[in-house]
Amino acid sequence: MPTENGLIERRVQVDVTTLRGEPLGADTTVYTVALKGLVNDRWVEGYRLTSEQSTVSRRFELDQARSTVRFACRTADGTELVFEMLERLEALVARVNQLAEIWCSQVPRVRHSPAPLRAR
């Protein structure tokens, strides 16, 4: 997808190999996973807009500076829920990528102001 400077922008992807879990209290684990690709301001805005449309998506916390996403699961729910959350995150990222591609493909409209009148 073209960027403002003409370079090809890489699609953002969830890097499941970076998944890390940290216990939070006795019954919750907070997971962090890295995103690969260009997580710029435009992509983050698309992420925000897309996340607002789903209560499940709001469980994901994006850290743009680190290009990571955090989410929490109850320890009792086991790894099945963790993998389900990763699938949901991948679907969310795919939707945001589609939105970012649409934004990048639109040619900005240039408004021409009328030429100033010349005195005769």
N, C-alpha and C. Protein backbone atom coordinates (compact mmCIF):
# COMPACT_ATOMS: atom_id res chain seq x y z
N MET A 1 0.85 -1.17 0.00
CA MET A 1 0.00 0.00 0.00
C MET A 1 0.89 1.22 0.00
N PRO A 2 0.68 2.17 -0.88
CA PRO A 2 1.53 3.34 -0.99
C PRO A 2 1.41 4.26 0.22
N THR A 3 2.50 4.89 0.55
CA THR A 3 2.50 5.86 1.64
C THR A 3 2.69 7.24 1.05
N GLU A 4 2.68 8.24 1.93
CA GLU A 4 2.83 9.62 1.48
C GLU A 4 4.13 9.81 0.71
N ASN A 5 5.18 9.10 1.09
CA ASN A 5 6.47 9.31 0.43
C ASN A 5 6.72 8.31 -0.69
N GLY A 6 5.68 7.52 -1.08
CA GLY A 6 5.79 6.63 -2.22
C GLY A 6 6.37 5.25 -1.91
N LEU A 7 6.77 4.99 -0.68
CA LEU A 7 7.29 3.69 -0.32
C LEU A 7 6.15 2.70 -0.12
N ILE A 8 6.47 1.44 -0.18
CA ILE A 8 5.47 0.42 0.08
C ILE A 8 5.43 0.16 1.58
N GLU A 9 4.25 0.30 2.15
CA GLU A 9 4.06 0.13 3.58
C GLU A 9 3.73 -1.32 3.88
N ARG A 10 4.35 -1.90 4.87
CA ARG A 10 4.07 -3.29 5.24
C ARG A 10 2.80 -3.35 6.06
N ARG A 11 2.01 -4.37 5.79
CA ARG A 11 0.81 -4.61 6.59
C ARG A 11 1.24 -5.00 8.00
N VAL A 12 0.45 -4.60 8.96
CA VAL A 12 0.71 -4.94 10.36
C VAL A 12 0.22 -6.37 10.59
N GLN A 13 1.00 -7.14 11.34
CA GLN A 13 0.66 -8.52 11.67
C GLN A 13 0.94 -8.77 13.14
N VAL A 14 0.20 -9.72 13.71
CA VAL A 14 0.43 -10.15 15.08
C VAL A 14 1.57 -11.17 15.05
N ASP A 15 2.59 -10.94 15.84
CA ASP A 15 3.73 -11.85 15.92
C ASP A 15 3.53 -12.78 17.12
N VAL A 16 2.83 -13.89 16.89
CA VAL A 16 2.48 -14.79 18.00
C VAL A 16 3.70 -15.42 18.66
N THR A 17 4.85 -15.40 18.00
CA THR A 17 6.05 -15.97 18.61
C THR A 17 6.54 -15.13 19.78
N THR A 18 6.03 -13.90 19.91
CA THR A 18 6.46 -13.01 20.99
C THR A 18 5.51 -13.04 22.18
N LEU A 19 4.49 -13.88 22.15
CA LEU A 19 3.49 -13.92 23.22
C LEU A 19 4.14 -14.20 24.57
N ARG A 20 3.86 -13.33 25.52
CA ARG A 20 4.38 -13.47 26.88
C ARG A 20 3.24 -13.28 27.87
N GLY A 21 3.23 -14.06 28.92
CA GLY A 21 2.21 -13.92 29.95
C GLY A 21 2.83 -13.58 31.29
N GLU A 22 2.16 -12.70 32.04
CA GLU A 22 2.59 -12.33 33.39
C GLU A 22 1.40 -12.44 34.32
N PRO A 23 1.57 -13.15 35.43
CA PRO A 23 0.45 -13.26 36.38
C PRO A 23 0.09 -11.89 36.96
N LEU A 24 -1.21 -11.69 37.12
CA LEU A 24 -1.71 -10.47 37.75
C LEU A 24 -2.68 -10.94 38.82
N GLY A 25 -2.20 -10.98 40.02
CA GLY A 25 -3.03 -11.53 41.10
C GLY A 25 -3.07 -13.04 41.01
N ALA A 26 -4.01 -13.63 41.74
CA ALA A 26 -4.07 -15.08 41.83
C ALA A 26 -4.78 -15.73 40.66
N ASP A 27 -5.67 -15.00 39.98
CA ASP A 27 -6.49 -15.67 38.97
C ASP A 27 -6.48 -15.04 37.58
N THR A 28 -5.57 -14.13 37.32
CA THR A 28 -5.53 -13.45 36.03
C THR A 28 -4.11 -13.45 35.48
N THR A 29 -4.00 -13.60 34.15
CA THR A 29 -2.73 -13.48 33.46
C THR A 29 -2.87 -12.41 32.39
N VAL A 30 -1.90 -11.51 32.34
CA VAL A 30 -1.87 -10.47 31.32
C VAL A 30 -0.89 -10.92 30.24
N TYR A 31 -1.37 -10.95 29.01
CA TYR A 31 -0.55 -11.38 27.88
C TYR A 31 -0.16 -10.17 27.05
N THR A 32 1.05 -10.21 26.54
CA THR A 32 1.57 -9.17 25.65
C THR A 32 2.07 -9.84 24.39
N VAL A 33 1.72 -9.26 23.24
CA VAL A 33 2.18 -9.79 21.96
C VAL A 33 2.60 -8.61 21.08
N ALA A 34 3.66 -8.81 20.31
CA ALA A 34 4.19 -7.74 19.46
C ALA A 34 3.46 -7.70 18.12
N LEU A 35 3.46 -6.51 17.54
CA LEU A 35 2.94 -6.30 16.20
C LEU A 35 4.12 -6.06 15.27
N LYS A 36 4.08 -6.68 14.09
CA LYS A 36 5.10 -6.46 13.07
C LYS A 36 4.51 -5.56 12.01
N GLY A 37 5.29 -4.64 11.51
CA GLY A 37 4.83 -3.73 10.48
C GLY A 37 4.82 -2.29 10.99
N LEU A 38 4.32 -1.41 10.16
CA LEU A 38 4.33 0.01 10.48
C LEU A 38 3.08 0.39 11.27
N VAL A 39 3.26 0.59 12.56
CA VAL A 39 2.16 1.00 13.45
C VAL A 39 2.27 2.52 13.61
N ASN A 40 1.83 3.22 12.56
CA ASN A 40 1.93 4.68 12.57
C ASN A 40 0.63 5.29 13.09
N ASP A 41 0.59 6.62 13.13
CA ASP A 41 -0.57 7.32 13.68
C ASP A 41 -1.85 7.00 12.91
N ARG A 42 -1.76 6.89 11.60
CA ARG A 42 -2.93 6.58 10.78
C ARG A 42 -3.45 5.18 11.13
N TRP A 43 -2.55 4.21 11.26
CA TRP A 43 -2.97 2.85 11.59
C TRP A 43 -3.59 2.82 12.99
N VAL A 44 -3.00 3.55 13.92
CA VAL A 44 -3.52 3.59 15.29
C VAL A 44 -4.93 4.20 15.31
N GLU A 45 -5.17 5.22 14.51
CA GLU A 45 -6.50 5.81 14.43
C GLU A 45 -7.51 4.78 13.89
N GLY A 46 -7.11 4.02 12.89
CA GLY A 46 -7.97 2.96 12.38
C GLY A 46 -8.23 1.90 13.43
N TYR A 47 -7.21 1.59 14.22
CA TYR A 47 -7.35 0.62 15.31
C TYR A 47 -8.36 1.13 16.33
N ARG A 48 -8.24 2.39 16.68
CA ARG A 48 -9.15 2.98 17.67
C ARG A 48 -10.59 2.94 17.17
N LEU A 49 -10.79 3.37 15.93
CA LEU A 49 -12.14 3.40 15.36
C LEU A 49 -12.73 1.99 15.26
N THR A 50 -11.93 1.03 14.84
CA THR A 50 -12.41 -0.34 14.70
C THR A 50 -12.68 -0.97 16.05
N SER A 51 -11.85 -0.70 17.03
CA SER A 51 -12.02 -1.26 18.38
C SER A 51 -13.29 -0.77 19.05
N GLU A 52 -13.66 0.47 18.75
CA GLU A 52 -14.87 1.04 19.37
C GLU A 52 -16.14 0.32 18.93
N GLN A 53 -16.07 -0.42 17.83
CA GLN A 53 -17.26 -1.07 17.29
C GLN A 53 -17.56 -2.42 17.93
N SER A 54 -16.68 -2.92 18.79
CA SER A 54 -16.86 -4.25 19.36
C SER A 54 -16.41 -4.26 20.82
N THR A 55 -17.23 -4.83 21.68
CA THR A 55 -16.84 -4.91 23.10
C THR A 55 -15.66 -5.85 23.29
N VAL A 56 -15.57 -6.90 22.48
CA VAL A 56 -14.44 -7.83 22.60
C VAL A 56 -13.14 -7.13 22.24
N SER A 57 -13.18 -6.30 21.19
CA SER A 57 -11.97 -5.60 20.76
C SER A 57 -11.46 -4.63 21.81
N ARG A 58 -12.35 -4.15 22.65
CA ARG A 58 -11.93 -3.20 23.70
C ARG A 58 -11.10 -3.88 24.78
N ARG A 59 -11.06 -5.19 24.78
CA ARG A 59 -10.23 -5.90 25.76
C ARG A 59 -8.75 -5.81 25.40
N PHE A 60 -8.45 -5.40 24.17
CA PHE A 60 -7.07 -5.28 23.72
C PHE A 60 -6.57 -3.86 23.95
N GLU A 61 -5.40 -3.76 24.55
CA GLU A 61 -4.80 -2.46 24.84
C GLU A 61 -3.55 -2.29 23.97
N LEU A 62 -3.61 -1.34 23.05
CA LEU A 62 -2.50 -1.09 22.12
C LEU A 62 -1.49 -0.15 22.75
N ASP A 63 -0.21 -0.49 22.65
CA ASP A 63 0.89 0.38 23.05
C ASP A 63 1.65 0.73 21.78
N GLN A 64 1.35 1.88 21.21
CA GLN A 64 1.96 2.26 19.94
C GLN A 64 3.48 2.39 20.05
N ALA A 65 3.96 2.95 21.13
CA ALA A 65 5.41 3.17 21.29
C ALA A 65 6.18 1.85 21.24
N ARG A 66 5.61 0.80 21.77
CA ARG A 66 6.28 -0.51 21.79
C ARG A 66 5.78 -1.44 20.69
N SER A 67 4.77 -1.02 19.96
CA SER A 67 4.12 -1.86 18.94
C SER A 67 3.71 -3.20 19.54
N THR A 68 3.02 -3.11 20.67
CA THR A 68 2.52 -4.31 21.34
C THR A 68 1.05 -4.15 21.68
N VAL A 69 0.41 -5.28 21.94
CA VAL A 69 -0.97 -5.31 22.40
C VAL A 69 -1.01 -6.18 23.65
N ARG A 70 -1.78 -5.72 24.64
CA ARG A 70 -1.96 -6.45 25.90
C ARG A 70 -3.42 -6.87 26.02
N PHE A 71 -3.63 -8.02 26.65
CA PHE A 71 -4.97 -8.45 26.99
C PHE A 71 -4.88 -9.38 28.18
N ALA A 72 -5.95 -9.49 28.93
CA ALA A 72 -5.96 -10.31 30.14
C ALA A 72 -6.95 -11.46 29.99
N CYS A 73 -6.61 -12.58 30.60
CA CYS A 73 -7.49 -13.76 30.65
C CYS A 73 -7.43 -14.33 32.05
N ARG A 74 -8.55 -14.90 32.45
CA ARG A 74 -8.55 -15.59 33.74
C ARG A 74 -7.75 -16.87 33.61
N THR A 75 -6.94 -17.15 34.58
CA THR A 75 -6.09 -18.33 34.56
C THR A 75 -6.94 -19.60 34.45
N ALA A 76 -8.10 -19.62 35.08
CA ALA A 76 -8.97 -20.79 35.07
C ALA A 76 -9.51 -21.10 33.67
N ASP A 77 -9.52 -20.12 32.77
CA ASP A 77 -10.04 -20.35 31.42
C ASP A 77 -9.08 -21.14 30.55
N GLY A 78 -7.84 -21.23 30.96
CA GLY A 78 -6.86 -22.05 30.24
C GLY A 78 -6.37 -21.44 28.94
N THR A 79 -5.56 -22.22 28.23
CA THR A 79 -4.93 -21.73 27.00
C THR A 79 -5.91 -21.61 25.84
N GLU A 80 -7.03 -22.33 25.90
CA GLU A 80 -8.00 -22.26 24.82
C GLU A 80 -8.50 -20.82 24.63
N LEU A 81 -8.78 -20.13 25.72
CA LEU A 81 -9.23 -18.74 25.62
C LEU A 81 -8.11 -17.84 25.11
N VAL A 82 -6.88 -18.12 25.49
CA VAL A 82 -5.74 -17.31 25.02
C VAL A 82 -5.65 -17.41 23.50
N PHE A 83 -5.76 -18.62 22.96
CA PHE A 83 -5.69 -18.78 21.51
C PHE A 83 -6.89 -18.15 20.81
N GLU A 84 -8.05 -18.20 21.44
CA GLU A 84 -9.23 -17.54 20.90
C GLU A 84 -9.02 -16.02 20.85
N MET A 85 -8.43 -15.48 21.91
CA MET A 85 -8.16 -14.04 21.94
C MET A 85 -7.13 -13.66 20.87
N LEU A 86 -6.14 -14.49 20.64
CA LEU A 86 -5.17 -14.21 19.59
C LEU A 86 -5.84 -14.21 18.22
N GLU A 87 -6.76 -15.14 17.99
CA GLU A 87 -7.50 -15.17 16.72
C GLU A 87 -8.33 -13.91 16.55
N ARG A 88 -8.97 -13.47 17.62
CA ARG A 88 -9.76 -12.24 17.57
C ARG A 88 -8.86 -11.04 17.29
N LEU A 89 -7.68 -11.01 17.91
CA LEU A 89 -6.74 -9.92 17.67
C LEU A 89 -6.28 -9.92 16.22
N GLU A 90 -5.99 -11.09 15.67
CA GLU A 90 -5.57 -11.17 14.27
C GLU A 90 -6.68 -10.67 13.34
N ALA A 91 -7.94 -11.00 13.66
CA ALA A 91 -9.07 -10.53 12.86
C ALA A 91 -9.20 -9.01 12.96
N LEU A 92 -9.01 -8.47 14.16
CA LEU A 92 -9.06 -7.02 14.37
C LEU A 92 -7.96 -6.33 13.56
N VAL A 93 -6.75 -6.85 13.63
CA VAL A 93 -5.62 -6.27 12.89
C VAL A 93 -5.89 -6.33 11.38
N ALA A 94 -6.48 -7.41 10.91
CA ALA A 94 -6.80 -7.52 9.48
C ALA A 94 -7.81 -6.46 9.07
N ARG A 95 -8.82 -6.21 9.90
CA ARG A 95 -9.80 -5.16 9.60
C ARG A 95 -9.15 -3.79 9.58
N VAL A 96 -8.26 -3.54 10.52
CA VAL A 96 -7.57 -2.24 10.57
C VAL A 96 -6.68 -2.09 9.33
N ASN A 97 -6.00 -3.15 8.92
CA ASN A 97 -5.18 -3.10 7.71
C ASN A 97 -6.02 -2.74 6.49
N GLN A 98 -7.22 -3.32 6.39
CA GLN A 98 -8.11 -3.01 5.27
C GLN A 98 -8.49 -1.53 5.29
N LEU A 99 -8.81 -1.03 6.46
CA LEU A 99 -9.16 0.39 6.59
C LEU A 99 -7.98 1.27 6.21
N ALA A 100 -6.79 0.91 6.69
CA ALA A 100 -5.58 1.69 6.37
C ALA A 100 -5.31 1.68 4.87
N GLU A 101 -5.53 0.54 4.21
CA GLU A 101 -5.33 0.46 2.76
C GLU A 101 -6.30 1.37 2.02
N ILE A 102 -7.53 1.42 2.49
CA ILE A 102 -8.53 2.30 1.86
C ILE A 102 -8.09 3.75 2.01
N TRP A 103 -7.67 4.12 3.22
CA TRP A 103 -7.23 5.49 3.44
C TRP A 103 -6.05 5.84 2.57
N CYS A 104 -5.11 4.91 2.44
CA CYS A 104 -3.90 5.20 1.65
C CYS A 104 -4.19 5.24 0.16
N SER A 105 -5.22 4.53 -0.29
CA SER A 105 -5.51 4.49 -1.72
C SER A 105 -6.31 5.69 -2.20
N GLN A 106 -6.88 6.43 -1.28
CA GLN A 106 -7.67 7.59 -1.68
C GLN A 106 -6.75 8.75 -2.03
N VAL A 107 -7.02 9.32 -3.17
CA VAL A 107 -6.24 10.47 -3.63
C VAL A 107 -6.85 11.70 -2.98
N PRO A 108 -6.05 12.47 -2.28
CA PRO A 108 -6.60 13.67 -1.66
C PRO A 108 -7.12 14.65 -2.70
N ARG A 109 -8.25 15.24 -2.41
CA ARG A 109 -8.81 16.23 -3.32
C ARG A 109 -8.11 17.56 -3.10
N VAL A 110 -7.71 18.16 -4.18
CA VAL A 110 -7.04 19.45 -4.11
C VAL A 110 -8.07 20.51 -4.48
N ARG A 111 -8.24 21.44 -3.62
CA ARG A 111 -9.17 22.54 -3.88
C ARG A 111 -8.39 23.69 -4.48
N HIS A 112 -8.86 24.11 -5.60
CA HIS A 112 -8.23 25.25 -6.25
C HIS A 112 -9.04 26.50 -5.91
N SER A 113 -8.35 27.47 -5.42
CA SER A 113 -9.04 28.73 -5.16
C SER A 113 -9.11 29.51 -6.46
N PRO A 114 -10.18 30.24 -6.65
CA PRO A 114 -10.30 30.99 -7.90
C PRO A 114 -9.17 32.01 -8.02
N ALA A 115 -8.78 32.23 -9.25
CA ALA A 115 -7.71 33.19 -9.49
C ALA A 115 -8.19 34.59 -9.08
N PRO A 116 -7.31 35.39 -8.54
CA PRO A 116 -7.71 36.74 -8.15
C PRO A 116 -8.08 37.54 -9.40
N LEU A 117 -9.06 38.42 -9.22
CA LEU A 117 -9.48 39.27 -10.32
C LEU A 117 -8.41 40.32 -10.59
N ARG A 118 -8.18 40.56 -11.86
CA ARG A 118 -7.17 41.56 -12.23
C ARG A 118 -7.87 42.86 -12.59
N ALA A 119 -7.30 43.94 -12.17
CA ALA A 119 -7.85 45.25 -12.54
C ALA A 119 -7.47 45.55 -13.97
N ARG A 120 -8.40 46.09 -14.72
CA ARG A 120 -8.11 46.44 -16.13
C ARG A 120 -7.90 47.89 -16.29
